């Protein structure tokens, strides 16, 4: 499973079940993808 963070988007690469699990994990912290990207930019 790979997660590529770009300035305007996030790319998830892997098996379907891996991507679903990763999205569930991230959904606990971020409701929208935009807030997820903004949080990554602040780091």
PDB file of N, CA and C in Angstrom:
ATOM      1  N   UNK A   1       0.853  -1.172   0.000  1.00  0.00           N
ATOM      2  CA  UNK A   1       0.000   0.000   0.000  1.00  0.00           C
ATOM      3  C   UNK A   1       0.893   1.227   0.000  1.00  0.00           C
ATOM      4  N   UNK A   2       0.608   2.126  -0.924  1.00  0.00           N
ATOM      5  CA  UNK A   2       1.368   3.371  -1.007  1.00  0.00           C
ATOM      6  C   UNK A   2       0.402   4.545  -0.993  1.00  0.00           C
ATOM      7  N   UNK A   3       0.819   5.618  -0.326  1.00  0.00           N
ATOM      8  CA  UNK A   3       0.040   6.849  -0.286  1.00  0.00           C
ATOM      9  C   UNK A   3       0.935   7.964  -0.802  1.00  0.00           C
ATOM     10  N   UNK A   4       0.539   8.558  -1.924  1.00  0.00           N
ATOM     11  CA  UNK A   4       1.277   9.672  -2.506  1.00  0.00           C
ATOM     12  C   UNK A   4       0.535  10.956  -2.179  1.00  0.00           C
ATOM     13  N   UNK A   5       1.223  11.891  -1.557  1.00  0.00           N
ATOM     14  CA  UNK A   5       0.620  13.178  -1.208  1.00  0.00           C
ATOM     15  C   UNK A   5       1.170  14.220  -2.161  1.00  0.00           C
ATOM     16  N   UNK A   6       0.268  14.832  -2.906  1.00  0.00           N
ATOM     17  CA  UNK A   6       0.627  15.885  -3.847  1.00  0.00           C
ATOM     18  C   UNK A   6       0.002  17.175  -3.359  1.00  0.00           C
ATOM     19  N   UNK A   7       0.393  18.308  -3.925  1.00  0.00           N
ATOM     20  CA  UNK A   7      -0.149  19.591  -3.435  1.00  0.00           C
ATOM     21  C   UNK A   7      -1.666  19.692  -3.490  1.00  0.00           C
ATOM     22  N   UNK A   8      -2.295  19.092  -4.512  1.00  0.00           N
ATOM     23  CA  UNK A   8      -3.743  19.246  -4.664  1.00  0.00           C
ATOM     24  C   UNK A   8      -4.536  17.957  -4.521  1.00  0.00           C
ATOM     25  N   UNK A   9      -3.860  16.830  -4.329  1.00  0.00           N
ATOM     26  CA  UNK A   9      -4.595  15.576  -4.206  1.00  0.00           C
ATOM     27  C   UNK A   9      -3.781  14.536  -3.462  1.00  0.00           C
ATOM     28  N   UNK A  10      -4.433  13.426  -3.193  1.00  0.00           N
ATOM     29  CA  UNK A  10      -3.806  12.291  -2.525  1.00  0.00           C
ATOM     30  C   UNK A  10      -4.102  11.064  -3.372  1.00  0.00           C
ATOM     31  N   UNK A  11      -3.082  10.258  -3.655  1.00  0.00           N
ATOM     32  CA  UNK A  11      -3.245   9.067  -4.474  1.00  0.00           C
ATOM     33  C   UNK A  11      -2.973   7.854  -3.594  1.00  0.00           C
ATOM     34  N   UNK A  12      -3.935   6.935  -3.553  1.00  0.00           N
ATOM     35  CA  UNK A  12      -3.787   5.690  -2.812  1.00  0.00           C
ATOM     36  C   UNK A  12      -3.587   4.561  -3.813  1.00  0.00           C
ATOM     37  N   UNK A  13      -2.534   3.765  -3.622  1.00  0.00           N
ATOM     38  CA  UNK A  13      -2.231   2.662  -4.523  1.00  0.00           C
ATOM     39  C   UNK A  13      -2.141   1.393  -3.697  1.00  0.00           C
ATOM     40  N   UNK A  14      -2.895   0.385  -4.105  1.00  0.00           N
ATOM     41  CA  UNK A  14      -2.855  -0.884  -3.398  1.00  0.00           C
ATOM     42  C   UNK A  14      -4.071  -1.715  -3.735  1.00  0.00           C
ATOM     43  N   UNK A  15      -4.248  -2.778  -2.996  1.00  0.00           N
ATOM     44  CA  UNK A  15      -5.421  -3.633  -3.170  1.00  0.00           C
ATOM     45  C   UNK A  15      -6.650  -2.898  -2.661  1.00  0.00           C
ATOM     46  N   UNK A  16      -7.811  -3.285  -3.174  1.00  0.00           N
ATOM     47  CA  UNK A  16      -9.058  -2.607  -2.807  1.00  0.00           C
ATOM     48  C   UNK A  16      -9.296  -2.650  -1.306  1.00  0.00           C
ATOM     49  N   UNK A  17      -9.036  -3.793  -0.667  1.00  0.00           N
ATOM     50  CA  UNK A  17      -9.281  -3.899   0.777  1.00  0.00           C
ATOM     51  C   UNK A  17      -8.305  -3.045   1.565  1.00  0.00           C
ATOM     52  N   UNK A  18      -7.075  -2.862   1.066  1.00  0.00           N
ATOM     53  CA  UNK A  18      -6.101  -2.006   1.748  1.00  0.00           C
ATOM     54  C   UNK A  18      -6.527  -0.544   1.678  1.00  0.00           C
ATOM     55  N   UNK A  19      -7.004  -0.134   0.503  1.00  0.00           N
ATOM     56  CA  UNK A  19      -7.448   1.251   0.325  1.00  0.00           C
ATOM     57  C   UNK A  19      -8.663   1.530   1.193  1.00  0.00           C
ATOM     58  N   UNK A  20      -9.625   0.585   1.229  1.00  0.00           N
ATOM     59  CA  UNK A  20     -10.806   0.764   2.076  1.00  0.00           C
ATOM     60  C   UNK A  20     -10.428   0.901   3.541  1.00  0.00           C
ATOM     61  N   UNK A  21      -9.505   0.066   4.010  1.00  0.00           N
ATOM     62  CA  UNK A  21      -9.071   0.145   5.410  1.00  0.00           C
ATOM     63  C   UNK A  21      -8.363   1.462   5.701  1.00  0.00           C
ATOM     64  N   UNK A  22      -7.533   1.916   4.770  1.00  0.00           N
ATOM     65  CA  UNK A  22      -6.815   3.180   4.961  1.00  0.00           C
ATOM     66  C   UNK A  22      -7.788   4.354   4.972  1.00  0.00           C
ATOM     67  N   UNK A  23      -8.806   4.334   4.105  1.00  0.00           N
ATOM     68  CA  UNK A  23      -9.802   5.403   4.089  1.00  0.00           C
ATOM     69  C   UNK A  23     -10.615   5.410   5.380  1.00  0.00           C
ATOM     70  N   UNK A  24     -10.943   4.231   5.906  1.00  0.00           N
ATOM     71  CA  UNK A  24     -11.644   4.165   7.196  1.00  0.00           C
ATOM     72  C   UNK A  24     -10.791   4.759   8.304  1.00  0.00           C
ATOM     73  N   UNK A  25      -9.499   4.449   8.283  1.00  0.00           N
ATOM     74  CA  UNK A  25      -8.571   4.973   9.289  1.00  0.00           C
ATOM     75  C   UNK A  25      -8.504   6.502   9.221  1.00  0.00           C
ATOM     76  N   UNK A  26      -8.369   7.042   8.015  1.00  0.00           N
ATOM     77  CA  UNK A  26      -8.283   8.492   7.857  1.00  0.00           C
ATOM     78  C   UNK A  26      -9.610   9.177   8.136  1.00  0.00           C
ATOM     79  N   UNK A  27     -10.733   8.486   7.920  1.00  0.00           N
ATOM     80  CA  UNK A  27     -12.046   9.101   8.151  1.00  0.00           C
ATOM     81  C   UNK A  27     -12.303   9.347   9.634  1.00  0.00           C
ATOM     82  N   UNK A  28     -11.560   8.709  10.503  1.00  0.00           N
ATOM     83  CA  UNK A  28     -11.701   8.968  11.940  1.00  0.00           C
ATOM     84  C   UNK A  28     -11.173  10.352  12.303  1.00  0.00           C
ATOM     85  N   UNK A  29     -10.249  10.869  11.502  1.00  0.00           N
ATOM     86  CA  UNK A  29      -9.620  12.154  11.793  1.00  0.00           C
ATOM     87  C   UNK A  29     -10.104  13.285  10.897  1.00  0.00           C
ATOM     88  N   UNK A  30     -10.448  12.960   9.653  1.00  0.00           N
ATOM     89  CA  UNK A  30     -10.806  13.991   8.676  1.00  0.00           C
ATOM     90  C   UNK A  30     -12.119  13.619   8.003  1.00  0.00           C
ATOM     91  N   UNK A  31     -13.056  14.568   7.989  1.00  0.00           N
ATOM     92  CA  UNK A  31     -14.352  14.323   7.351  1.00  0.00           C
ATOM     93  C   UNK A  31     -14.238  14.490   5.840  1.00  0.00           C
ATOM     94  N   UNK A  32     -13.480  15.496   5.391  1.00  0.00           N
ATOM     95  CA  UNK A  32     -13.346  15.784   3.968  1.00  0.00           C
ATOM     96  C   UNK A  32     -11.902  15.601   3.525  1.00  0.00           C
ATOM     97  N   UNK A  33     -11.732  15.290   2.260  1.00  0.00           N
ATOM     98  CA  UNK A  33     -10.389  15.139   1.700  1.00  0.00           C
ATOM     99  C   UNK A  33      -9.647  16.475   1.748  1.00  0.00           C
ATOM    100  N   UNK A  34     -10.375  17.562   1.549  1.00  0.00           N
ATOM    101  CA  UNK A  34      -9.759  18.898   1.583  1.00  0.00           C
ATOM    102  C   UNK A  34      -9.113  19.169   2.946  1.00  0.00           C
ATOM    103  N   UNK A  35      -9.787  18.808   4.037  1.00  0.00           N
ATOM    104  CA  UNK A  35      -9.197  19.014   5.363  1.00  0.00           C
ATOM    105  C   UNK A  35      -7.993  18.101   5.570  1.00  0.00           C
ATOM    106  N   UNK A  36      -8.037  16.917   4.982  1.00  0.00           N
ATOM    107  CA  UNK A  36      -6.915  15.983   5.061  1.00  0.00           C
ATOM    108  C   UNK A  36      -5.701  16.589   4.360  1.00  0.00           C
ATOM    109  N   UNK A  37      -5.883  17.136   3.157  1.00  0.00           N
ATOM    110  CA  UNK A  37      -4.783  17.753   2.413  1.00  0.00           C
ATOM    111  C   UNK A  37      -4.243  18.966   3.158  1.00  0.00           C
ATOM    112  N   UNK A  38      -5.142  19.799   3.689  1.00  0.00           N
ATOM    113  CA  UNK A  38      -4.698  20.983   4.431  1.00  0.00           C
ATOM    114  C   UNK A  38      -3.924  20.596   5.684  1.00  0.00           C
ATOM    115  N   UNK A  39      -4.332  19.540   6.355  1.00  0.00           N
ATOM    116  CA  UNK A  39      -3.616  19.081   7.550  1.00  0.00           C
ATOM    117  C   UNK A  39      -2.218  18.598   7.181  1.00  0.00           C
ATOM    118  N   UNK A  40      -2.085  17.955   6.033  1.00  0.00           N
ATOM    119  CA  UNK A  40      -0.773  17.485   5.599  1.00  0.00           C
ATOM    120  C   UNK A  40       0.132  18.645   5.196  1.00  0.00           C
ATOM    121  N   UNK A  41      -0.449  19.701   4.639  1.00  0.00           N
ATOM    122  CA  UNK A  41       0.345  20.876   4.257  1.00  0.00           C
ATOM    123  C   UNK A  41       0.886  21.593   5.487  1.00  0.00           C
ATOM    124  N   UNK A  42       0.130  21.564   6.588  1.00  0.00           N
ATOM    125  CA  UNK A  42       0.539  22.261   7.805  1.00  0.00           C
ATOM    126  C   UNK A  42       1.692  21.569   8.511  1.00  0.00           C
ATOM    127  N   UNK A  43       1.922  20.295   8.219  1.00  0.00           N
ATOM    128  CA  UNK A  43       2.991  19.551   8.899  1.00  0.00           C
ATOM    129  C   UNK A  43       4.348  19.973   8.436  1.00  0.00           C
TER     130      UNK A  43
END
